[in-house]
Amino acid sequence: MKILQVVPRADSDVSLKKLLKAKERQLRSGPTAFRRKSEGRWAHVKYPGWIRWDETIGGIVVAEVNTRVAASEWQLLQAFIGYLYRHLGDNIDTITITYR
């Protein structure tokens, strides 16, 4: 399991959670790597596992990357970081990964 802490830019007007939810809704009917399973829980279409995320105090998004197959954990982690970079990169200040 990996824990990501995504800190928004100080000058950002919109919270990362709102941006993530809006982007997910926008991409829902088209081709996208992640599918929404429930509120704050996504699964990748190709790699086994899931990502649970939510916003904490200060607008920080905390995401937990879990997978049933330890060998593919890095792929799911890489896919999620790439998703954040592509769609929210202008609004992110820092991403911290905690290994557990």
PDB file of N, CA and C in Angstrom:
ATOM      1  N   MET A   1       0.849  -1.164   0.000  1.00  0.00           N
ATOM      2  CA  MET A   1       0.000   0.000   0.000  1.00  0.00           C
ATOM      3  C   MET A   1       0.902   1.237   0.000  1.00  0.00           C
ATOM      4  N   LYS A   2       0.491   2.214  -0.797  1.00  0.00           N
ATOM      5  CA  LYS A   2       1.174   3.498  -0.854  1.00  0.00           C
ATOM      6  C   LYS A   2       0.165   4.591  -0.517  1.00  0.00           C
ATOM      7  N   ILE A   3       0.626   5.606   0.191  1.00  0.00           N
ATOM      8  CA  ILE A   3      -0.202   6.748   0.547  1.00  0.00           C
ATOM      9  C   ILE A   3       0.351   7.972  -0.176  1.00  0.00           C
ATOM     10  N   LEU A   4      -0.493   8.664  -0.908  1.00  0.00           N
ATOM     11  CA  LEU A   4      -0.103   9.895  -1.584  1.00  0.00           C
ATOM     12  C   LEU A   4      -0.751  11.066  -0.880  1.00  0.00           C
ATOM     13  N   GLN A   5       0.031  12.089  -0.683  1.00  0.00           N
ATOM     14  CA  GLN A   5      -0.462  13.341  -0.124  1.00  0.00           C
ATOM     15  C   GLN A   5      -0.261  14.398  -1.203  1.00  0.00           C
ATOM     16  N   VAL A   6      -1.357  14.948  -1.708  1.00  0.00           N
ATOM     17  CA  VAL A   6      -1.310  15.906  -2.806  1.00  0.00           C
ATOM     18  C   VAL A   6      -1.684  17.277  -2.252  1.00  0.00           C
ATOM     19  N   VAL A   7      -0.715  18.180  -2.261  1.00  0.00           N
ATOM     20  CA  VAL A   7      -0.900  19.514  -1.696  1.00  0.00           C
ATOM     21  C   VAL A   7      -1.209  20.486  -2.830  1.00  0.00           C
ATOM     22  N   PRO A   8      -2.294  21.241  -2.702  1.00  0.00           N
ATOM     23  CA  PRO A   8      -2.642  22.198  -3.762  1.00  0.00           C
ATOM     24  C   PRO A   8      -1.749  23.436  -3.714  1.00  0.00           C
ATOM     25  N   ARG A   9      -1.682  24.116  -4.832  1.00  0.00           N
ATOM     26  CA  ARG A   9      -0.959  25.385  -4.878  1.00  0.00           C
ATOM     27  C   ARG A   9      -1.672  26.396  -4.003  1.00  0.00           C
ATOM     28  N   ALA A  10      -0.925  27.270  -3.390  1.00  0.00           N
ATOM     29  CA  ALA A  10      -1.504  28.269  -2.483  1.00  0.00           C
ATOM     30  C   ALA A  10      -2.405  29.245  -3.215  1.00  0.00           C
ATOM     31  N   ASP A  11      -2.127  29.505  -4.482  1.00  0.00           N
ATOM     32  CA  ASP A  11      -2.918  30.474  -5.240  1.00  0.00           C
ATOM     33  C   ASP A  11      -4.095  29.847  -5.990  1.00  0.00           C
ATOM     34  N   SER A  12      -4.358  28.566  -5.755  1.00  0.00           N
ATOM     35  CA  SER A  12      -5.462  27.875  -6.423  1.00  0.00           C
ATOM     36  C   SER A  12      -6.793  28.262  -5.788  1.00  0.00           C
ATOM     37  N   ASP A  13      -7.757  28.606  -6.630  1.00  0.00           N
ATOM     38  CA  ASP A  13      -9.073  29.022  -6.154  1.00  0.00           C
ATOM     39  C   ASP A  13     -10.016  27.845  -5.920  1.00  0.00           C
ATOM     40  N   VAL A  14      -9.808  26.749  -6.629  1.00  0.00           N
ATOM     41  CA  VAL A  14     -10.697  25.592  -6.556  1.00  0.00           C
ATOM     42  C   VAL A  14      -9.988  24.456  -5.847  1.00  0.00           C
ATOM     43  N   SER A  15     -10.722  23.708  -5.023  1.00  0.00           N
ATOM     44  CA  SER A  15     -10.107  22.595  -4.299  1.00  0.00           C
ATOM     45  C   SER A  15      -9.796  21.442  -5.261  1.00  0.00           C
ATOM     46  N   LEU A  16      -8.777  20.667  -4.909  1.00  0.00           N
ATOM     47  CA  LEU A  16      -8.399  19.519  -5.729  1.00  0.00           C
ATOM     48  C   LEU A  16      -9.515  18.489  -5.789  1.00  0.00           C
ATOM     49  N   LYS A  17     -10.245  18.341  -4.705  1.00  0.00           N
ATOM     50  CA  LYS A  17     -11.351  17.385  -4.694  1.00  0.00           C
ATOM     51  C   LYS A  17     -12.404  17.762  -5.726  1.00  0.00           C
ATOM     52  N   LYS A  18     -12.765  19.021  -5.791  1.00  0.00           N
ATOM     53  CA  LYS A  18     -13.744  19.467  -6.779  1.00  0.00           C
ATOM     54  C   LYS A  18     -13.216  19.267  -8.189  1.00  0.00           C
ATOM     55  N   LEU A  19     -11.936  19.543  -8.396  1.00  0.00           N
ATOM     56  CA  LEU A  19     -11.345  19.356  -9.714  1.00  0.00           C
ATOM     57  C   LEU A  19     -11.311  17.879 -10.109  1.00  0.00           C
ATOM     58  N   LEU A  20     -10.955  16.996  -9.162  1.00  0.00           N
ATOM     59  CA  LEU A  20     -10.940  15.564  -9.446  1.00  0.00           C
ATOM     60  C   LEU A  20     -12.331  15.051  -9.800  1.00  0.00           C
ATOM     61  N   LYS A  21     -13.325  15.460  -9.038  1.00  0.00           N
ATOM     62  CA  LYS A  21     -14.692  15.019  -9.299  1.00  0.00           C
ATOM     63  C   LYS A  21     -15.199  15.548 -10.637  1.00  0.00           C
ATOM     64  N   ALA A  22     -14.890  16.797 -10.942  1.00  0.00           N
ATOM     65  CA  ALA A  22     -15.320  17.375 -12.214  1.00  0.00           C
ATOM     66  C   ALA A  22     -14.658  16.682 -13.394  1.00  0.00           C
ATOM     67  N   LYS A  23     -13.375  16.401 -13.284  1.00  0.00           N
ATOM     68  CA  LYS A  23     -12.657  15.731 -14.366  1.00  0.00           C
ATOM     69  C   LYS A  23     -13.164  14.305 -14.565  1.00  0.00           C
ATOM     70  N   GLU A  24     -13.453  13.624 -13.460  1.00  0.00           N
ATOM     71  CA  GLU A  24     -13.993  12.263 -13.562  1.00  0.00           C
ATOM     72  C   GLU A  24     -15.343  12.281 -14.275  1.00  0.00           C
ATOM     73  N   ARG A  25     -16.201  13.230 -13.940  1.00  0.00           N
ATOM     74  CA  ARG A  25     -17.507  13.327 -14.604  1.00  0.00           C
ATOM     75  C   ARG A  25     -17.345  13.651 -16.083  1.00  0.00           C
ATOM     76  N   GLN A  26     -16.399  14.510 -16.402  1.00  0.00           N
ATOM     77  CA  GLN A  26     -16.156  14.896 -17.786  1.00  0.00           C
ATOM     78  C   GLN A  26     -15.678  13.713 -18.624  1.00  0.00           C
ATOM     79  N   LEU A  27     -14.821  12.878 -18.036  1.00  0.00           N
ATOM     80  CA  LEU A  27     -14.253  11.752 -18.774  1.00  0.00           C
ATOM     81  C   LEU A  27     -15.081  10.472 -18.672  1.00  0.00           C
ATOM     82  N   ARG A  28     -16.132  10.503 -17.906  1.00  0.00           N
ATOM     83  CA  ARG A  28     -16.908   9.298 -17.601  1.00  0.00           C
ATOM     84  C   ARG A  28     -17.373   8.544 -18.845  1.00  0.00           C
ATOM     85  N   SER A  29     -17.878   9.236 -19.833  1.00  0.00           N
ATOM     86  CA  SER A  29     -18.425   8.549 -20.999  1.00  0.00           C
ATOM     87  C   SER A  29     -17.375   8.276 -22.074  1.00  0.00           C
ATOM     88  N   GLY A  30     -16.212   8.866 -21.955  1.00  0.00           N
ATOM     89  CA  GLY A  30     -15.171   8.688 -22.954  1.00  0.00           C
ATOM     90  C   GLY A  30     -14.081   7.749 -22.482  1.00  0.00           C
ATOM     91  N   PRO A  31     -13.018   7.670 -23.254  1.00  0.00           N
ATOM     92  CA  PRO A  31     -11.905   6.801 -22.857  1.00  0.00           C
ATOM     93  C   PRO A  31     -11.123   7.409 -21.696  1.00  0.00           C
ATOM     94  N   THR A  32     -10.980   6.651 -20.648  1.00  0.00           N
ATOM     95  CA  THR A  32     -10.215   7.092 -19.483  1.00  0.00           C
ATOM     96  C   THR A  32      -9.626   5.865 -18.801  1.00  0.00           C
ATOM     97  N   ALA A  33      -8.562   6.063 -18.069  1.00  0.00           N
ATOM     98  CA  ALA A  33      -7.879   4.953 -17.415  1.00  0.00           C
ATOM     99  C   ALA A  33      -8.550   4.532 -16.118  1.00  0.00           C
ATOM    100  N   PHE A  34      -9.272   5.447 -15.474  1.00  0.00           N
ATOM    101  CA  PHE A  34      -9.871   5.155 -14.177  1.00  0.00           C
ATOM    102  C   PHE A  34     -11.390   5.182 -14.257  1.00  0.00           C
ATOM    103  N   ARG A  35     -12.003   4.268 -13.546  1.00  0.00           N
ATOM    104  CA  ARG A  35     -13.458   4.204 -13.436  1.00  0.00           C
ATOM    105  C   ARG A  35     -13.851   4.404 -11.985  1.00  0.00           C
ATOM    106  N   ARG A  36     -14.887   5.178 -11.782  1.00  0.00           N
ATOM    107  CA  ARG A  36     -15.400   5.441 -10.434  1.00  0.00           C
ATOM    108  C   ARG A  36     -16.184   4.228  -9.952  1.00  0.00           C
ATOM    109  N   LYS A  37     -15.796   3.707  -8.799  1.00  0.00           N
ATOM    110  CA  LYS A  37     -16.523   2.597  -8.183  1.00  0.00           C
ATOM    111  C   LYS A  37     -17.529   3.108  -7.164  1.00  0.00           C
ATOM    112  N   SER A  38     -17.139   4.125  -6.429  1.00  0.00           N
ATOM    113  CA  SER A  38     -18.017   4.803  -5.466  1.00  0.00           C
ATOM    114  C   SER A  38     -17.377   6.146  -5.159  1.00  0.00           C
ATOM    115  N   GLU A  39     -18.001   6.910  -4.287  1.00  0.00           N
ATOM    116  CA  GLU A  39     -17.476   8.223  -3.922  1.00  0.00           C
ATOM    117  C   GLU A  39     -16.063   8.083  -3.339  1.00  0.00           C
ATOM    118  N   GLY A  40     -15.079   8.634  -4.034  1.00  0.00           N
ATOM    119  CA  GLY A  40     -13.705   8.588  -3.546  1.00  0.00           C
ATOM    120  C   GLY A  40     -13.015   7.252  -3.715  1.00  0.00           C
ATOM    121  N   ARG A  41     -13.536   6.390  -4.558  1.00  0.00           N
ATOM    122  CA  ARG A  41     -12.899   5.094  -4.805  1.00  0.00           C
ATOM    123  C   ARG A  41     -12.889   4.828  -6.309  1.00  0.00           C
ATOM    124  N   TRP A  42     -11.692   4.707  -6.856  1.00  0.00           N
ATOM    125  CA  TRP A  42     -11.517   4.488  -8.291  1.00  0.00           C
ATOM    126  C   TRP A  42     -10.773   3.182  -8.521  1.00  0.00           C
ATOM    127  N   ALA A  43     -11.013   2.605  -9.691  1.00  0.00           N
ATOM    128  CA  ALA A  43     -10.283   1.417 -10.127  1.00  0.00           C
ATOM    129  C   ALA A  43      -9.721   1.705 -11.516  1.00  0.00           C
ATOM    130  N   HIS A  44      -8.589   1.139 -11.809  1.00  0.00           N
ATOM    131  CA  HIS A  44      -7.970   1.301 -13.116  1.00  0.00           C
ATOM    132  C   HIS A  44      -8.563   0.250 -14.050  1.00  0.00           C
ATOM    133  N   VAL A  45      -8.707   0.592 -15.317  1.00  0.00           N
ATOM    134  CA  VAL A  45      -9.319  -0.348 -16.256  1.00  0.00           C
ATOM    135  C   VAL A  45      -8.385  -1.506 -16.613  1.00  0.00           C
ATOM    136  N   LYS A  46      -7.087  -1.323 -16.477  1.00  0.00           N
ATOM    137  CA  LYS A  46      -6.127  -2.350 -16.879  1.00  0.00           C
ATOM    138  C   LYS A  46      -5.413  -3.015 -15.695  1.00  0.00           C
ATOM    139  N   TYR A  47      -5.032  -2.243 -14.697  1.00  0.00           N
ATOM    140  CA  TYR A  47      -4.245  -2.769 -13.587  1.00  0.00           C
ATOM    141  C   TYR A  47      -5.165  -3.130 -12.417  1.00  0.00           C
ATOM    142  N   PRO A  48      -4.921  -4.275 -11.783  1.00  0.00           N
ATOM    143  CA  PRO A  48      -5.780  -4.666 -10.652  1.00  0.00           C
ATOM    144  C   PRO A  48      -5.517  -3.781  -9.437  1.00  0.00           C
ATOM    145  N   GLY A  49      -6.568  -3.504  -8.709  1.00  0.00           N
ATOM    146  CA  GLY A  49      -6.430  -2.702  -7.506  1.00  0.00           C
ATOM    147  C   GLY A  49      -7.382  -1.529  -7.525  1.00  0.00           C
ATOM    148  N   TRP A  50      -7.242  -0.660  -6.544  1.00  0.00           N
ATOM    149  CA  TRP A  50      -8.129   0.481  -6.416  1.00  0.00           C
ATOM    150  C   TRP A  50      -7.412   1.613  -5.710  1.00  0.00           C
ATOM    151  N   ILE A  51      -7.978   2.784  -5.834  1.00  0.00           N
ATOM    152  CA  ILE A  51      -7.454   3.976  -5.185  1.00  0.00           C
ATOM    153  C   ILE A  51      -8.593   4.611  -4.406  1.00  0.00           C
ATOM    154  N   ARG A  52      -8.369   4.815  -3.126  1.00  0.00           N
ATOM    155  CA  ARG A  52      -9.323   5.544  -2.281  1.00  0.00           C
ATOM    156  C   ARG A  52      -8.724   6.904  -1.995  1.00  0.00           C
ATOM    157  N   TRP A  53      -9.514   7.942  -2.177  1.00  0.00           N
ATOM    158  CA  TRP A  53      -8.991   9.279  -1.935  1.00  0.00           C
ATOM    159  C   TRP A  53     -10.066  10.154  -1.316  1.00  0.00           C
ATOM    160  N   ASP A  54      -9.615  11.151  -0.580  1.00  0.00           N
ATOM    161  CA  ASP A  54     -10.510  12.128   0.017  1.00  0.00           C
ATOM    162  C   ASP A  54      -9.706  13.374   0.361  1.00  0.00           C
ATOM    163  N   GLU A  55     -10.422  14.443   0.609  1.00  0.00           N
ATOM    164  CA  GLU A  55      -9.785  15.712   0.938  1.00  0.00           C
ATOM    165  C   GLU A  55      -9.732  15.885   2.450  1.00  0.00           C
ATOM    166  N   THR A  56      -8.639  16.439   2.930  1.00  0.00           N
ATOM    167  CA  THR A  56      -8.476  16.708   4.353  1.00  0.00           C
ATOM    168  C   THR A  56      -8.464  18.213   4.584  1.00  0.00           C
ATOM    169  N   ILE A  57      -8.213  18.603   5.801  1.00  0.00           N
ATOM    170  CA  ILE A  57      -8.149  20.012   6.148  1.00  0.00           C
ATOM    171  C   ILE A  57      -7.054  20.699   5.334  1.00  0.00           C
ATOM    172  N   GLY A  58      -7.335  21.869   4.862  1.00  0.00           N
ATOM    173  CA  GLY A  58      -6.363  22.617   4.074  1.00  0.00           C
ATOM    174  C   GLY A  58      -6.420  22.297   2.594  1.00  0.00           C
ATOM    175  N   GLY A  59      -7.388  21.489   2.170  1.00  0.00           N
ATOM    176  CA  GLY A  59      -7.527  21.148   0.762  1.00  0.00           C
ATOM    177  C   GLY A  59      -6.570  20.084   0.278  1.00  0.00           C
ATOM    178  N   ILE A  60      -5.864  19.436   1.184  1.00  0.00           N
ATOM    179  CA  ILE A  60      -4.916  18.387   0.823  1.00  0.00           C
ATOM    180  C   ILE A  60      -5.695  17.110   0.495  1.00  0.00           C
ATOM    181  N   VAL A  61      -5.349  16.492  -0.620  1.00  0.00           N
ATOM    182  CA  VAL A  61      -5.971  15.230  -1.008  1.00  0.00           C
ATOM    183  C   VAL A  61      -5.046  14.099  -0.577  1.00  0.00           C
ATOM    184  N   VAL A  62      -5.607  13.137   0.141  1.00  0.00           N
ATOM    185  CA  VAL A  62      -4.862  11.954   0.561  1.00  0.00           C
ATOM    186  C   VAL A  62      -5.437  10.765  -0.200  1.00  0.00           C
ATOM    187  N   ALA A  63      -4.568  10.040  -0.880  1.00  0.00           N
ATOM    188  CA  ALA A  63      -4.987   8.891  -1.672  1.00  0.00           C
ATOM    189  C   ALA A  63      -4.242   7.651  -1.199  1.00  0.00           C
ATOM    190  N   GLU A  64      -4.963   6.550  -1.119  1.00  0.00           N
ATOM    191  CA  GLU A  64      -4.399   5.265  -0.718  1.00  0.00           C
ATOM    192  C   GLU A  64      -4.460   4.338  -1.922  1.00  0.00           C
ATOM    193  N   VAL A  65      -3.298   3.841  -2.359  1.00  0.00           N
ATOM    194  CA  VAL A  65      -3.209   2.961  -3.516  1.00  0.00           C
ATOM    195  C   VAL A  65      -3.084   1.527  -3.014  1.00  0.00           C
ATOM    196  N   ASN A  66      -4.063   0.696  -3.357  1.00  0.00           N
ATOM    197  CA  ASN A  66      -4.081  -0.704  -2.936  1.00  0.00           C
ATOM    198  C   ASN A  66      -4.199  -1.604  -4.151  1.00  0.00           C
ATOM    199  N   THR A  67      -3.565  -2.746  -4.072  1.00  0.00           N
ATOM    200  CA  THR A  67      -3.673  -3.721  -5.145  1.00  0.00           C
ATOM    201  C   THR A  67      -3.593  -5.123  -4.576  1.00  0.00           C
ATOM    202  N   ARG A  68      -4.228  -6.036  -5.250  1.00  0.00           N
ATOM    203  CA  ARG A  68      -4.191  -7.442  -4.835  1.00  0.00           C
ATOM    204  C   ARG A  68      -2.887  -8.116  -5.272  1.00  0.00           C
ATOM    205  N   VAL A  69      -2.282  -7.574  -6.327  1.00  0.00           N
ATOM    206  CA  VAL A  69      -1.057  -8.138  -6.887  1.00  0.00           C
ATOM    207  C   VAL A  69       0.078  -7.150  -6.621  1.00  0.00           C
ATOM    208  N   ALA A  70       0.956  -7.505  -5.711  1.00  0.00           N
ATOM    209  CA  ALA A  70       2.027  -6.584  -5.305  1.00  0.00           C
ATOM    210  C   ALA A  70       2.920  -6.176  -6.473  1.00  0.00           C
ATOM    211  N   ALA A  71       3.087  -7.058  -7.450  1.00  0.00           N
ATOM    212  CA  ALA A  71       3.963  -6.756  -8.578  1.00  0.00           C
ATOM    213  C   ALA A  71       3.407  -5.648  -9.470  1.00  0.00           C
ATOM    214  N   SER A  72       2.106  -5.404  -9.430  1.00  0.00           N
ATOM    215  CA  SER A  72       1.524  -4.373 -10.284  1.00  0.00           C
ATOM    216  C   SER A  72       1.227  -3.075  -9.539  1.00  0.00           C
ATOM    217  N   GLU A  73       1.624  -3.001  -8.273  1.00  0.00           N
ATOM    218  CA  GLU A  73       1.349  -1.806  -7.485  1.00  0.00           C
ATOM    219  C   GLU A  73       2.010  -0.566  -8.087  1.00  0.00           C
ATOM    220  N   TRP A  74       3.216  -0.705  -8.570  1.00  0.00           N
ATOM    221  CA  TRP A  74       3.920   0.433  -9.137  1.00  0.00           C
ATOM    222  C   TRP A  74       3.211   0.952 -10.383  1.00  0.00           C
ATOM    223  N   GLN A  75       2.573   0.046 -11.166  1.00  0.00           N
ATOM    224  CA  GLN A  75       1.865   0.474 -12.369  1.00  0.00           C
ATOM    225  C   GLN A  75       0.631   1.301 -12.015  1.00  0.00           C
ATOM    226  N   LEU A  76      -0.100   0.859 -10.996  1.00  0.00           N
ATOM    227  CA  LEU A  76      -1.279   1.596 -10.550  1.00  0.00           C
ATOM    228  C   LEU A  76      -0.871   2.953  -9.974  1.00  0.00           C
ATOM    229  N   LEU A  77       0.192   2.969  -9.198  1.00  0.00           N
ATOM    230  CA  LEU A  77       0.709   4.211  -8.632  1.00  0.00           C
ATOM    231  C   LEU A  77       1.147   5.165  -9.737  1.00  0.00           C
ATOM    232  N   GLN A  78       1.880   4.663 -10.699  1.00  0.00           N
ATOM    233  CA  GLN A  78       2.353   5.475 -11.815  1.00  0.00           C
ATOM    234  C   GLN A  78       1.176   6.015 -12.634  1.00  0.00           C
ATOM    235  N   ALA A  79       0.166   5.198 -12.847  1.00  0.00           N
ATOM    236  CA  ALA A  79      -1.001   5.635 -13.611  1.00  0.00           C
ATOM    237  C   ALA A  79      -1.744   6.757 -12.895  1.00  0.00           C
ATOM    238  N   PHE A  80      -1.887   6.655 -11.580  1.00  0.00           N
ATOM    239  CA  PHE A  80      -2.596   7.681 -10.828  1.00  0.00           C
ATOM    240  C   PHE A  80      -1.809   8.984 -10.787  1.00  0.00           C
ATOM    241  N   ILE A  81      -0.502   8.903 -10.591  1.00  0.00           N
ATOM    242  CA  ILE A  81       0.324  10.114 -10.597  1.00  0.00           C
ATOM    243  C   ILE A  81       0.282  10.764 -11.981  1.00  0.00           C
ATOM    244  N   GLY A  82       0.312   9.960 -13.018  1.00  0.00           N
ATOM    245  CA  GLY A  82       0.197  10.500 -14.375  1.00  0.00           C
ATOM    246  C   GLY A  82      -1.136  11.184 -14.604  1.00  0.00           C
ATOM    247  N   TYR A  83      -2.207  10.600 -14.081  1.00  0.00           N
ATOM    248  CA  TYR A  83      -3.545  11.195 -14.184  1.00  0.00           C
ATOM    249  C   TYR A  83      -3.565  12.548 -13.494  1.00  0.00           C
ATOM    250  N   LEU A  84      -3.015  12.605 -12.290  1.00  0.00           N
ATOM    251  CA  LEU A  84      -2.953  13.869 -11.562  1.00  0.00           C
ATOM    252  C   LEU A  84      -2.147  14.907 -12.334  1.00  0.00           C
ATOM    253  N   TYR A  85      -1.035  14.492 -12.876  1.00  0.00           N
ATOM    254  CA  TYR A  85      -0.170  15.413 -13.619  1.00  0.00           C
ATOM    255  C   TYR A  85      -0.870  15.965 -14.854  1.00  0.00           C
ATOM    256  N   ARG A  86      -1.507  15.077 -15.622  1.00  0.00           N
ATOM    257  CA  ARG A  86      -2.171  15.502 -16.858  1.00  0.00           C
ATOM    258  C   ARG A  86      -3.352  16.428 -16.610  1.00  0.00           C
ATOM    259  N   HIS A  87      -4.165  16.097 -15.623  1.00  0.00           N
ATOM    260  CA  HIS A  87      -5.426  16.805 -15.458  1.00  0.00           C
ATOM    261  C   HIS A  87      -5.411  17.902 -14.392  1.00  0.00           C
ATOM    262  N   LEU A  88      -4.528  17.801 -13.404  1.00  0.00           N
ATOM    263  CA  LEU A  88      -4.515  18.774 -12.315  1.00  0.00           C
ATOM    264  C   LEU A  88      -3.144  19.397 -12.080  1.00  0.00           C
ATOM    265  N   GLY A  89      -2.206  19.148 -12.945  1.00  0.00           N
ATOM    266  CA  GLY A  89      -0.825  19.573 -12.736  1.00  0.00           C
ATOM    267  C   GLY A  89      -0.644  21.044 -12.420  1.00  0.00           C
ATOM    268  N   ASP A  90      -1.459  21.904 -13.015  1.00  0.00           N
ATOM    269  CA  ASP A  90      -1.333  23.341 -12.774  1.00  0.00           C
ATOM    270  C   ASP A  90      -1.802  23.747 -11.379  1.00  0.00           C
ATOM    271  N   ASN A  91      -2.548  22.863 -10.721  1.00  0.00           N
ATOM    272  CA  ASN A  91      -3.107  23.180  -9.402  1.00  0.00           C
ATOM    273  C   ASN A  91      -2.391  22.472  -8.258  1.00  0.00           C
ATOM    274  N   ILE A  92      -1.363  21.686  -8.563  1.00  0.00           N
ATOM    275  CA  ILE A  92      -0.659  20.900  -7.548  1.00  0.00           C
ATOM    276  C   ILE A  92       0.674  21.547  -7.210  1.00  0.00           C
ATOM    277  N   ASP A  93       0.946  21.633  -5.920  1.00  0.00           N
ATOM    278  CA  ASP A  93       2.229  22.150  -5.453  1.00  0.00           C
ATOM    279  C   ASP A  93       3.189  21.000  -5.180  1.00  0.00           C
ATOM    280  N   THR A  94       2.735  19.992  -4.423  1.00  0.00           N
ATOM    281  CA  THR A  94       3.606  18.904  -3.990  1.00  0.00           C
ATOM    282  C   THR A  94       2.840  17.591  -3.952  1.00  0.00           C
ATOM    283  N   ILE A  95       3.526  16.508  -4.326  1.00  0.00           N
ATOM    284  CA  ILE A  95       2.999  15.154  -4.133  1.00  0.00           C
ATOM    285  C   ILE A  95       4.022  14.388  -3.314  1.00  0.00           C
ATOM    286  N   THR A  96       3.574  13.822  -2.197  1.00  0.00           N
ATOM    287  CA  THR A  96       4.441  13.052  -1.314  1.00  0.00           C
ATOM    288  C   THR A  96       3.939  11.610  -1.302  1.00  0.00           C
ATOM    289  N   ILE A  97       4.849  10.651  -1.440  1.00  0.00           N
ATOM    290  CA  ILE A  97       4.497   9.237  -1.397  1.00  0.00           C
ATOM    291  C   ILE A  97       5.052   8.622  -0.123  1.00  0.00           C
ATOM    292  N   THR A  98       4.187   7.950   0.626  1.00  0.00           N
ATOM    293  CA  THR A  98       4.595   7.227   1.829  1.00  0.00           C
ATOM    294  C   THR A  98       4.473   5.745   1.537  1.00  0.00           C
ATOM    295  N   TYR A  99       5.560   5.018   1.750  1.00  0.00           N
ATOM    296  CA  TYR A  99       5.571   3.572   1.518  1.00  0.00           C
ATOM    297  C   TYR A  99       5.188   2.843   2.793  1.00  0.00           C
ATOM    298  N   ARG A 100       4.244   1.921   2.679  1.00  0.00           N
ATOM    299  CA  ARG A 100       3.819   1.112   3.821  1.00  0.00           C
ATOM    300  C   ARG A 100       3.773  -0.335   3.444  1.00  0.00           C
TER     301      ARG A 100
END
